Amino acid sequence: MMHHSIGEASITQVIEQRGTSFAPGILFPDWDPAILQQYRALMVPACFNEQEGRLISSIHAWVLRTRHHTILIDSCAGNHKNRPGAPRFHQLDLPFLKGLAAAGVSPESVDYVMCTHLHVDHCGWNTRLVDGRWVPTFPNAKYLFPRDEYEHWRGPAGKQGVNAGVYEDSVLPVVASGQAEIVDGEGAVGDGLMFHPTPGHTVGHVAIKLLSGADQAVFSGDIMHQPLQVFRPDWNSAFCEDPANARASRRWLLEHAADTGSTVFTAHFASSSAGRVTRRGDRFDWSFV
């Protein structure tokens, strides 16, 4: 369990699942194996399994404790969700809540749940199955959703593909309970946190910026899936809906992190899943922290 401090805020990673995932040529349409060899020391063995020829990915939540609140950022895939189009997330039975408890967090103690976007692996623990009904996992929390993202998935998009059913079982019950708060644009959400629109991977994807004292951080969601995208920011994943905007958002993240010294808390990097970006001429470098 990884712990970090950003100013007065503490950040703890709670892992739901971690392991081999896609072959790189499947995840990255522009894949060039020479890049893996160039950055082999960074990628192997924590982020790339050479025996299987597959990338390693992590699915985890970040627990942020500020002076006033306990906040959960991106709630992973969830248990007992019907996801036949996404076998990795179908009918899971994982001890995520025990992981939260080990981090000193009970569902009742969470004040806010924030989602960078509403893909299957980022909002599943928003709800849990109780007596055959989906109910909010965190009964005292406000759940913050970006407006563009919320509006997109509650329409036809939420009924097809690998994300089919996610709105119905992981978002709608939160709305029905009166716990949802829809955030417009670059919205300040208190305790030094701010949503920053980063569309491209999805239509309403956001990064979440944190300012605490003299320190800064950014929770990057799926702007990047693997460290190699720091060196090749032109590489989109196969799941990016708007390629041009995805590249622009990735460039913003790298420039913002390098210029401000922000620690980047990623959604899927393995190893520590957090790191810093530095400039190298007109390119960028990554180091895990």
C-alpha atoms as a PDB file:
ATOM      1  CA  MET A   1       0.000   0.000   0.000  1.00  0.00           C
ATOM      2  CA  MET A   2       1.646   3.226  -1.194  1.00  0.00           C
ATOM      3  CA  HIS A   3       1.437   6.434   0.861  1.00  0.00           C
ATOM      4  CA  HIS A   4       2.316   9.960  -0.252  1.00  0.00           C
ATOM      5  CA  SER A   5       2.141  13.446   1.211  1.00  0.00           C
ATOM      6  CA  ILE A   6       1.234  16.549  -0.775  1.00  0.00           C
ATOM      7  CA  GLY A   7       1.439  19.526   1.545  1.00  0.00           C
ATOM      8  CA  GLU A   8      -0.978  18.838   4.380  1.00  0.00           C
ATOM      9  CA  ALA A   9      -2.815  16.164   2.388  1.00  0.00           C
ATOM     10  CA  SER A  10      -2.062  12.445   2.588  1.00  0.00           C
ATOM     11  CA  ILE A  11      -2.691  10.100  -0.336  1.00  0.00           C
ATOM     12  CA  THR A  12      -2.990   6.320  -0.150  1.00  0.00           C
ATOM     13  CA  GLN A  13      -3.335   3.872  -3.018  1.00  0.00           C
ATOM     14  CA  VAL A  14      -5.826   1.036  -2.624  1.00  0.00           C
ATOM     15  CA  ILE A  15      -5.400  -1.599  -5.342  1.00  0.00           C
ATOM     16  CA  GLU A  16      -8.356  -3.568  -6.638  1.00  0.00           C
ATOM     17  CA  GLN A  17      -6.415  -5.640  -9.171  1.00  0.00           C
ATOM     18  CA  ARG A  18      -3.041  -5.601 -10.864  1.00  0.00           C
ATOM     19  CA  GLY A  19      -1.541  -7.879 -13.510  1.00  0.00           C
ATOM     20  CA  THR A  20      -0.852  -8.482 -17.165  1.00  0.00           C
ATOM     21  CA  SER A  21      -3.311  -6.917 -19.557  1.00  0.00           C
ATOM     22  CA  PHE A  22      -3.005  -6.014 -23.229  1.00  0.00           C
ATOM     23  CA  ALA A  23      -0.326  -6.877 -25.722  1.00  0.00           C
ATOM     24  CA  PRO A  24       1.163  -3.450 -26.506  1.00  0.00           C
ATOM     25  CA  GLY A  25       0.125  -3.549 -30.154  1.00  0.00           C
ATOM     26  CA  ILE A  26      -3.491  -3.971 -29.053  1.00  0.00           C
ATOM     27  CA  LEU A  27      -3.462  -1.069 -26.602  1.00  0.00           C
ATOM     28  CA  PHE A  28      -1.463   1.295 -28.801  1.00  0.00           C
ATOM     29  CA  PRO A  29      -2.391   1.448 -32.500  1.00  0.00           C
ATOM     30  CA  ASP A  30       0.923   3.260 -33.219  1.00  0.00           C
ATOM     31  CA  TRP A  31       3.032   0.768 -31.261  1.00  0.00           C
ATOM     32  CA  ASP A  32       6.774   0.713 -31.990  1.00  0.00           C
ATOM     33  CA  PRO A  33       8.674  -2.040 -30.116  1.00  0.00           C
ATOM     34  CA  ALA A  34      11.891  -0.005 -30.341  1.00  0.00           C
ATOM     35  CA  ILE A  35      10.477   2.385 -27.732  1.00  0.00           C
ATOM     36  CA  LEU A  36      10.085  -0.470 -25.258  1.00  0.00           C
ATOM     37  CA  GLN A  37      13.714  -1.436 -25.734  1.00  0.00           C
ATOM     38  CA  GLN A  38      14.817   2.174 -25.322  1.00  0.00           C
ATOM     39  CA  TYR A  39      13.039   2.431 -21.956  1.00  0.00           C
ATOM     40  CA  ARG A  40      13.364  -1.184 -20.902  1.00  0.00           C
ATOM     41  CA  ALA A  41      14.900  -0.337 -17.519  1.00  0.00           C
ATOM     42  CA  LEU A  42      11.808   1.693 -16.624  1.00  0.00           C
ATOM     43  CA  MET A  43       9.261  -0.820 -17.921  1.00  0.00           C
ATOM     44  CA  VAL A  44      10.661  -4.231 -16.963  1.00  0.00           C
ATOM     45  CA  PRO A  45       9.649  -5.976 -14.794  1.00  0.00           C
ATOM     46  CA  ALA A  46       7.082  -3.725 -13.075  1.00  0.00           C
ATOM     47  CA  CYS A  47       5.204  -2.478 -16.131  1.00  0.00           C
ATOM     48  CA  PHE A  48       5.899  -5.083 -18.811  1.00  0.00           C
ATOM     49  CA  ASN A  49       5.925  -8.875 -18.586  1.00  0.00           C
ATOM     50  CA  GLU A  50       8.560 -10.064 -21.054  1.00  0.00           C
ATOM     51  CA  GLN A  51       7.610 -13.740 -20.835  1.00  0.00           C
ATOM     52  CA  GLU A  52       4.015 -13.048 -21.851  1.00  0.00           C
ATOM     53  CA  GLY A  53       4.780 -10.052 -24.071  1.00  0.00           C
ATOM     54  CA  ARG A  54       2.083  -8.053 -22.296  1.00  0.00           C
ATOM     55  CA  LEU A  55       1.831  -4.792 -20.471  1.00  0.00           C
ATOM     56  CA  ILE A  56       1.097  -4.800 -16.747  1.00  0.00           C
ATOM     57  CA  SER A  57      -1.680  -2.521 -15.567  1.00  0.00           C
ATOM     58  CA  SER A  58      -3.035  -1.545 -12.190  1.00  0.00           C
ATOM     59  CA  ILE A  59      -6.622  -0.722 -11.276  1.00  0.00           C
ATOM     60  CA  HIS A  60      -6.760   1.190  -8.039  1.00  0.00           C
ATOM     61  CA  ALA A  61      -8.363   4.056  -6.172  1.00  0.00           C
ATOM     62  CA  TRP A  62      -6.602   6.974  -4.553  1.00  0.00           C
ATOM     63  CA  VAL A  63      -7.723   7.889  -1.038  1.00  0.00           C
ATOM     64  CA  LEU A  64      -7.041  11.543  -0.331  1.00  0.00           C
ATOM     65  CA  ARG A  65      -7.231  12.877   3.212  1.00  0.00           C
ATOM     66  CA  THR A  66      -7.276  16.630   3.558  1.00  0.00           C
ATOM     67  CA  ARG A  67      -7.661  18.721   6.698  1.00  0.00           C
ATOM     68  CA  HIS A  68     -11.434  18.439   6.411  1.00  0.00           C
ATOM     69  CA  HIS A  69     -12.386  15.481   4.238  1.00  0.00           C
ATOM     70  CA  THR A  70     -11.753  11.913   3.120  1.00  0.00           C
ATOM     71  CA  ILE A  71     -12.013  11.655  -0.665  1.00  0.00           C
ATOM     72  CA  LEU A  72     -11.966   8.635  -2.970  1.00  0.00           C
ATOM     73  CA  ILE A  73     -10.789   9.241  -6.544  1.00  0.00           C
ATOM     74  CA  ASP A  74     -11.862   6.678  -9.183  1.00  0.00           C
ATOM     75  CA  SER A  75     -13.618   3.664  -7.690  1.00  0.00           C
ATOM     76  CA  CYS A  76     -12.289   0.824  -9.869  1.00  0.00           C
ATOM     77  CA  ALA A  77     -14.495  -1.906 -11.390  1.00  0.00           C
ATOM     78  CA  GLY A  78     -16.664  -3.097  -8.492  1.00  0.00           C
ATOM     79  CA  ASN A  79     -18.027  -6.468  -7.500  1.00  0.00           C
ATOM     80  CA  HIS A  80     -20.876  -8.494  -9.007  1.00  0.00           C
ATOM     81  CA  LYS A  81     -21.249  -6.204 -12.020  1.00  0.00           C
ATOM     82  CA  ASN A  82     -22.549  -7.787 -15.218  1.00  0.00           C
ATOM     83  CA  ARG A  83     -19.853  -7.010 -17.809  1.00  0.00           C
ATOM     84  CA  PRO A  84     -19.913  -9.790 -20.425  1.00  0.00           C
ATOM     85  CA  GLY A  85     -18.206  -7.494 -22.946  1.00  0.00           C
ATOM     86  CA  ALA A  86     -15.278  -6.905 -20.567  1.00  0.00           C
ATOM     87  CA  PRO A  87     -14.277 -10.256 -19.011  1.00  0.00           C
ATOM     88  CA  ARG A  88     -11.667  -8.712 -16.710  1.00  0.00           C
ATOM     89  CA  PHE A  89     -14.476  -6.855 -14.928  1.00  0.00           C
ATOM     90  CA  HIS A  90     -17.298  -9.384 -15.191  1.00  0.00           C
ATOM     91  CA  GLN A  91     -18.865 -10.683 -11.961  1.00  0.00           C
ATOM     92  CA  LEU A  92     -15.861  -9.892  -9.786  1.00  0.00           C
ATOM     93  CA  ASP A  93     -15.646 -10.829  -6.123  1.00  0.00           C
ATOM     94  CA  LEU A  94     -12.601  -8.928  -4.877  1.00  0.00           C
ATOM     95  CA  PRO A  95     -11.664  -7.703  -1.370  1.00  0.00           C
ATOM     96  CA  PHE A  96     -11.498  -4.021  -2.269  1.00  0.00           C
ATOM     97  CA  LEU A  97     -13.443  -2.905   0.801  1.00  0.00           C
ATOM     98  CA  LYS A  98     -10.998  -4.847   2.985  1.00  0.00           C
ATOM     99  CA  GLY A  99      -8.227  -2.909   1.277  1.00  0.00           C
ATOM    100  CA  LEU A 100      -9.968   0.331   2.160  1.00  0.00           C
ATOM    101  CA  ALA A 101     -10.333  -0.868   5.747  1.00  0.00           C
ATOM    102  CA  ALA A 102      -6.613  -1.646   5.874  1.00  0.00           C
ATOM    103  CA  ALA A 103      -6.029   1.962   4.824  1.00  0.00           C
ATOM    104  CA  GLY A 104      -8.190   3.070   7.750  1.00  0.00           C
ATOM    105  CA  VAL A 105     -11.210   3.968   5.628  1.00  0.00           C
ATOM    106  CA  SER A 106     -14.743   2.711   6.195  1.00  0.00           C
ATOM    107  CA  PRO A 107     -17.448   3.337   3.575  1.00  0.00           C
ATOM    108  CA  GLU A 108     -19.233   5.607   6.062  1.00  0.00           C
ATOM    109  CA  SER A 109     -16.153   7.811   6.518  1.00  0.00           C
ATOM    110  CA  VAL A 110     -15.852   8.855   2.859  1.00  0.00           C
ATOM    111  CA  ASP A 111     -17.047  12.427   2.273  1.00  0.00           C
ATOM    112  CA  TYR A 112     -16.568  12.671  -1.491  1.00  0.00           C
ATOM    113  CA  VAL A 113     -16.214  10.261  -4.407  1.00  0.00           C
ATOM    114  CA  MET A 114     -14.749  11.825  -7.545  1.00  0.00           C
ATOM    115  CA  CYS A 115     -14.642  10.158 -10.960  1.00  0.00           C
ATOM    116  CA  THR A 116     -12.259  11.322 -13.689  1.00  0.00           C
ATOM    117  CA  HIS A 117     -14.624   9.626 -16.143  1.00  0.00           C
ATOM    118  CA  LEU A 118     -17.309   6.957 -16.183  1.00  0.00           C
ATOM    119  CA  HIS A 119     -15.648   3.994 -17.828  1.00  0.00           C
ATOM    120  CA  VAL A 120     -16.286   0.532 -16.403  1.00  0.00           C
ATOM    121  CA  ASP A 121     -13.041   0.444 -14.379  1.00  0.00           C
ATOM    122  CA  HIS A 122     -13.358   3.899 -12.799  1.00  0.00           C
ATOM    123  CA  CYS A 123     -16.768   3.988 -11.155  1.00  0.00           C
ATOM    124  CA  GLY A 124     -17.731   0.400 -10.286  1.00  0.00           C
ATOM    125  CA  TRP A 125     -17.430   0.690  -6.509  1.00  0.00           C
ATOM    126  CA  ASN A 126     -19.730   3.706  -6.583  1.00  0.00           C
ATOM    127  CA  THR A 127     -22.372   1.098  -5.750  1.00  0.00           C
ATOM    128  CA  ARG A 128     -22.628  -2.372  -4.267  1.00  0.00           C
ATOM    129  CA  LEU A 129     -25.281  -5.065  -4.406  1.00  0.00           C
ATOM    130  CA  VAL A 130     -27.443  -5.296  -1.268  1.00  0.00           C
ATOM    131  CA  ASP A 131     -30.502  -7.583  -1.220  1.00  0.00           C
ATOM    132  CA  GLY A 132     -30.618  -7.594  -5.002  1.00  0.00           C
ATOM    133  CA  ARG A 133     -30.441  -3.767  -5.358  1.00  0.00           C
ATOM    134  CA  TRP A 134     -27.596  -1.463  -6.290  1.00  0.00           C
ATOM    135  CA  VAL A 135     -27.054   1.055  -3.506  1.00  0.00           C
ATOM    136  CA  PRO A 136     -24.326   3.670  -2.967  1.00  0.00           C
ATOM    137  CA  THR A 137     -21.284   2.051  -1.369  1.00  0.00           C
ATOM    138  CA  PHE A 138     -20.435   5.261   0.474  1.00  0.00           C
ATOM    139  CA  PRO A 139     -23.676   6.303   2.177  1.00  0.00           C
ATOM    140  CA  ASN A 140     -22.493   9.683   3.486  1.00  0.00           C
ATOM    141  CA  ALA A 141     -20.563  10.803   0.409  1.00  0.00           C
ATOM    142  CA  LYS A 142     -21.276  13.314  -2.280  1.00  0.00           C
ATOM    143  CA  TYR A 143     -20.386  11.825  -5.677  1.00  0.00           C
ATOM    144  CA  LEU A 144     -18.942  14.368  -8.136  1.00  0.00           C
ATOM    145  CA  PHE A 145     -19.344  13.729 -11.865  1.00  0.00           C
ATOM    146  CA  PRO A 146     -18.193  15.953 -14.764  1.00  0.00           C
ATOM    147  CA  ARG A 147     -21.315  17.221 -16.540  1.00  0.00           C
ATOM    148  CA  ASP A 148     -20.255  16.367 -20.116  1.00  0.00           C
ATOM    149  CA  GLU A 149     -19.302  12.863 -19.027  1.00  0.00           C
ATOM    150  CA  TYR A 150     -22.522  12.352 -17.100  1.00  0.00           C
ATOM    151  CA  GLU A 151     -24.716  13.550 -19.962  1.00  0.00           C
ATOM    152  CA  HIS A 152     -22.869  11.392 -22.479  1.00  0.00           C
ATOM    153  CA  TRP A 153     -23.211   8.091 -20.633  1.00  0.00           C
ATOM    154  CA  ARG A 154     -26.794   8.504 -19.543  1.00  0.00           C
ATOM    155  CA  GLY A 155     -27.712   8.580 -23.243  1.00  0.00           C
ATOM    156  CA  PRO A 156     -27.425   5.850 -25.902  1.00  0.00           C
ATOM    157  CA  ALA A 157     -23.662   5.487 -25.383  1.00  0.00           C
ATOM    158  CA  GLY A 158     -24.276   3.955 -21.972  1.00  0.00           C
ATOM    159  CA  LYS A 159     -26.268   1.090 -23.426  1.00  0.00           C
ATOM    160  CA  GLN A 160     -23.723  -0.375 -25.828  1.00  0.00           C
ATOM    161  CA  GLY A 161     -20.175  -1.706 -26.029  1.00  0.00           C
ATOM    162  CA  VAL A 162     -17.944  -2.597 -23.086  1.00  0.00           C
ATOM    163  CA  ASN A 163     -19.484   0.212 -21.011  1.00  0.00           C
ATOM    164  CA  ALA A 164     -23.039  -1.065 -21.390  1.00  0.00           C
ATOM    165  CA  GLY A 165     -24.877  -1.021 -18.093  1.00  0.00           C
ATOM    166  CA  VAL A 166     -22.348   1.087 -16.190  1.00  0.00           C
ATOM    167  CA  TYR A 167     -24.599   4.124 -15.947  1.00  0.00           C
ATOM    168  CA  GLU A 168     -27.561   2.037 -14.784  1.00  0.00           C
ATOM    169  CA  ASP A 169     -25.778   0.141 -12.015  1.00  0.00           C
ATOM    170  CA  SER A 170     -22.971   2.500 -10.969  1.00  0.00           C
ATOM    171  CA  VAL A 171     -24.282   6.036 -11.524  1.00  0.00           C
ATOM    172  CA  LEU A 172     -28.084   6.076 -11.576  1.00  0.00           C
ATOM    173  CA  PRO A 173     -28.469   4.646  -8.034  1.00  0.00           C
ATOM    174  CA  VAL A 174     -26.300   7.507  -6.756  1.00  0.00           C
ATOM    175  CA  VAL A 175     -28.493  10.033  -8.553  1.00  0.00           C
ATOM    176  CA  ALA A 176     -31.616   8.368  -7.176  1.00  0.00           C
ATOM    177  CA  SER A 177     -30.252   8.602  -3.626  1.00  0.00           C
ATOM    178  CA  GLY A 178     -29.686  12.351  -3.990  1.00  0.00           C
ATOM    179  CA  GLN A 179     -25.918  12.002  -3.545  1.00  0.00           C
ATOM    180  CA  ALA A 180     -24.812  13.103  -7.035  1.00  0.00           C
ATOM    181  CA  GLU A 181     -23.315  16.507  -7.754  1.00  0.00           C
ATOM    182  CA  ILE A 182     -22.690  17.440 -11.380  1.00  0.00           C
ATOM    183  CA  VAL A 183     -19.635  19.670 -11.914  1.00  0.00           C
ATOM    184  CA  ASP A 184     -19.394  22.049 -14.869  1.00  0.00           C
ATOM    185  CA  GLY A 185     -16.103  22.819 -16.591  1.00  0.00           C
ATOM    186  CA  GLU A 186     -13.104  23.769 -14.472  1.00  0.00           C
ATOM    187  CA  GLY A 187     -14.935  23.610 -11.175  1.00  0.00           C
ATOM    188  CA  ALA A 188     -13.354  24.159  -7.762  1.00  0.00           C
ATOM    189  CA  VAL A 189     -14.548  21.434  -5.422  1.00  0.00           C
ATOM    190  CA  GLY A 190     -12.987  22.564  -2.117  1.00  0.00           C
ATOM    191  CA  ASP A 191      -9.932  21.589  -0.053  1.00  0.00           C
ATOM    192  CA  GLY A 192      -7.625  22.755  -2.842  1.00  0.00           C
ATOM    193  CA  LEU A 193      -9.158  20.424  -5.424  1.00  0.00           C
ATOM    194  CA  MET A 194     -10.256  21.449  -8.914  1.00  0.00           C
ATOM    195  CA  PHE A 195     -11.637  19.614 -11.931  1.00  0.00           C
ATOM    196  CA  HIS A 196      -9.777  20.417 -15.151  1.00  0.00           C
ATOM    197  CA  PRO A 197     -11.442  19.280 -18.412  1.00  0.00           C
ATOM    198  CA  THR A 198      -9.198  16.905 -20.373  1.00  0.00           C
ATOM    199  CA  PRO A 199     -11.464  15.503 -23.116  1.00  0.00           C
ATOM    200  CA  GLY A 200     -10.305  12.961 -25.632  1.00  0.00           C
ATOM    201  CA  HIS A 201     -10.168   9.597 -23.924  1.00  0.00           C
ATOM    202  CA  THR A 202     -13.858  10.228 -23.269  1.00  0.00           C
ATOM    203  CA  VAL A 203     -15.975  13.237 -24.093  1.00  0.00           C
ATOM    204  CA  GLY A 204     -16.049  14.577 -20.542  1.00  0.00           C
ATOM    205  CA  HIS A 205     -12.853  13.209 -19.022  1.00  0.00           C
ATOM    206  CA  VAL A 206     -11.299  15.415 -16.327  1.00  0.00           C
ATOM    207  CA  ALA A 207      -8.046  15.584 -14.452  1.00  0.00           C
ATOM    208  CA  ILE A 208      -8.274  16.507 -10.778  1.00  0.00           C
ATOM    209  CA  LYS A 209      -5.723  19.055  -9.554  1.00  0.00           C
ATOM    210  CA  LEU A 210      -4.681  19.404  -5.922  1.00  0.00           C
ATOM    211  CA  LEU A 211      -2.959  22.396  -4.345  1.00  0.00           C
ATOM    212  CA  SER A 212      -1.916  21.945  -0.707  1.00  0.00           C
ATOM    213  CA  GLY A 213       0.516  24.463   0.746  1.00  0.00           C
ATOM    214  CA  ALA A 214       3.412  24.808  -1.673  1.00  0.00           C
ATOM    215  CA  ASP A 215       2.855  21.346  -3.170  1.00  0.00           C
ATOM    216  CA  GLN A 216       0.760  20.299  -6.138  1.00  0.00           C
ATOM    217  CA  ALA A 217      -0.559  17.055  -7.565  1.00  0.00           C
ATOM    218  CA  VAL A 218      -2.761  15.934 -10.423  1.00  0.00           C
ATOM    219  CA  PHE A 219      -4.865  12.789 -10.661  1.00  0.00           C
ATOM    220  CA  SER A 220      -4.661  11.989 -14.341  1.00  0.00           C
ATOM    221  CA  GLY A 221      -7.269   9.299 -14.964  1.00  0.00           C
ATOM    222  CA  ASP A 222      -6.824   7.763 -18.405  1.00  0.00           C
ATOM    223  CA  ILE A 223      -4.952  10.607 -20.091  1.00  0.00           C
ATOM    224  CA  MET A 224      -2.117   8.063 -20.066  1.00  0.00           C
ATOM    225  CA  HIS A 225      -2.251   4.296 -19.577  1.00  0.00           C
ATOM    226  CA  GLN A 226       1.467   3.463 -19.539  1.00  0.00           C
ATOM    227  CA  PRO A 227       4.745   5.310 -18.814  1.00  0.00           C
ATOM    228  CA  LEU A 228       5.813   5.012 -22.454  1.00  0.00           C
ATOM    229  CA  GLN A 229       3.245   7.676 -23.354  1.00  0.00           C
ATOM    230  CA  VAL A 230       5.362  10.228 -21.485  1.00  0.00           C
ATOM    231  CA  PHE A 231       8.033   9.672 -24.127  1.00  0.00           C
ATOM    232  CA  ARG A 232       5.526   9.275 -26.961  1.00  0.00           C
ATOM    233  CA  PRO A 233       2.652  11.632 -26.093  1.00  0.00           C
ATOM    234  CA  ASP A 234       1.347  11.225 -29.629  1.00  0.00           C
ATOM    235  CA  TRP A 235       0.366   7.633 -28.770  1.00  0.00           C
ATOM    236  CA  ASN A 236      -3.315   7.274 -27.981  1.00  0.00           C
ATOM    237  CA  SER A 237      -4.783   4.128 -26.528  1.00  0.00           C
ATOM    238  CA  ALA A 238      -7.226   2.088 -28.582  1.00  0.00           C
ATOM    239  CA  PHE A 239      -9.952   3.373 -26.229  1.00  0.00           C
ATOM    240  CA  CYS A 240      -9.492   7.101 -26.856  1.00  0.00           C
ATOM    241  CA  GLU A 241     -12.711   8.379 -28.435  1.00  0.00           C
ATOM    242  CA  ASP A 242     -11.340  11.648 -29.860  1.00  0.00           C
ATOM    243  CA  PRO A 243      -7.703  11.203 -30.965  1.00  0.00           C
ATOM    244  CA  ALA A 244      -6.869  14.899 -31.468  1.00  0.00           C
ATOM    245  CA  ASN A 245      -8.281  15.986 -28.112  1.00  0.00           C
ATOM    246  CA  ALA A 246      -6.670  13.021 -26.362  1.00  0.00           C
ATOM    247  CA  ARG A 247      -3.251  14.111 -27.615  1.00  0.00           C
ATOM    248  CA  ALA A 248      -3.909  17.724 -26.631  1.00  0.00           C
ATOM    249  CA  SER A 249      -4.967  16.682 -23.111  1.00  0.00           C
ATOM    250  CA  ARG A 250      -1.881  14.482 -22.748  1.00  0.00           C
ATOM    251  CA  ARG A 251       0.334  17.364 -23.809  1.00  0.00           C
ATOM    252  CA  TRP A 252      -1.400  19.632 -21.283  1.00  0.00           C
ATOM    253  CA  LEU A 253      -0.807  17.095 -18.501  1.00  0.00           C
ATOM    254  CA  LEU A 254       2.877  16.696 -19.251  1.00  0.00           C
ATOM    255  CA  GLU A 255       3.483  20.436 -19.549  1.00  0.00           C
ATOM    256  CA  HIS A 256       1.452  21.195 -16.424  1.00  0.00           C
ATOM    257  CA  ALA A 257       3.232  18.543 -14.357  1.00  0.00           C
ATOM    258  CA  ALA A 258       6.690  19.594 -15.552  1.00  0.00           C
ATOM    259  CA  ASP A 259       6.076  23.323 -15.109  1.00  0.00           C
ATOM    260  CA  THR A 260       4.457  23.105 -11.661  1.00  0.00           C
ATOM    261  CA  GLY A 261       6.400  20.190 -10.206  1.00  0.00           C
ATOM    262  CA  SER A 262       3.113  18.377  -9.633  1.00  0.00           C
ATOM    263  CA  THR A 263       3.217  14.751  -8.604  1.00  0.00           C
ATOM    264  CA  VAL A 264       1.128  12.756 -11.092  1.00  0.00           C
ATOM    265  CA  PHE A 265      -1.117  10.070  -9.631  1.00  0.00           C
ATOM    266  CA  THR A 266      -2.023   7.788 -12.519  1.00  0.00           C
ATOM    267  CA  ALA A 267      -4.932   5.392 -12.861  1.00  0.00           C
ATOM    268  CA  HIS A 268      -3.189   2.423 -14.481  1.00  0.00           C
ATOM    269  CA  PHE A 269       0.603   2.645 -14.255  1.00  0.00           C
ATOM    270  CA  ALA A 270       1.990  -0.263 -12.253  1.00  0.00           C
ATOM    271  CA  SER A 271       5.061   0.069  -9.996  1.00  0.00           C
ATOM    272  CA  SER A 272       4.183   2.893  -7.540  1.00  0.00           C
ATOM    273  CA  SER A 273       1.604   4.332  -9.999  1.00  0.00           C
ATOM    274  CA  ALA A 274       2.792   7.862  -9.115  1.00  0.00           C
ATOM    275  CA  GLY A 275       5.638   9.940 -10.443  1.00  0.00           C
ATOM    276  CA  ARG A 276       7.042  13.214 -11.659  1.00  0.00           C
ATOM    277  CA  VAL A 277       7.512  14.652 -15.123  1.00  0.00           C
ATOM    278  CA  THR A 278      10.544  16.685 -16.138  1.00  0.00           C
ATOM    279  CA  ARG A 279      11.419  18.382 -19.398  1.00  0.00           C
ATOM    280  CA  ARG A 280      14.209  17.206 -21.643  1.00  0.00           C
ATOM    281  CA  GLY A 281      14.379  19.843 -24.379  1.00  0.00           C
ATOM    282  CA  ASP A 282      11.029  19.602 -26.140  1.00  0.00           C
ATOM    283  CA  ARG A 283      10.490  16.103 -24.722  1.00  0.00           C
ATOM    284  CA  PHE A 284       9.626  14.744 -21.296  1.00  0.00           C
ATOM    285  CA  ASP A 285      10.983  12.252 -18.768  1.00  0.00           C
ATOM    286  CA  TRP A 286       9.209  10.220 -16.096  1.00  0.00           C
ATOM    287  CA  SER A 287      10.446   9.012 -12.717  1.00  0.00           C
ATOM    288  CA  PHE A 288       8.389   6.938 -10.276  1.00  0.00           C
ATOM    289  CA  VAL A 289       8.078   8.184  -6.701  1.00  0.00           C
END
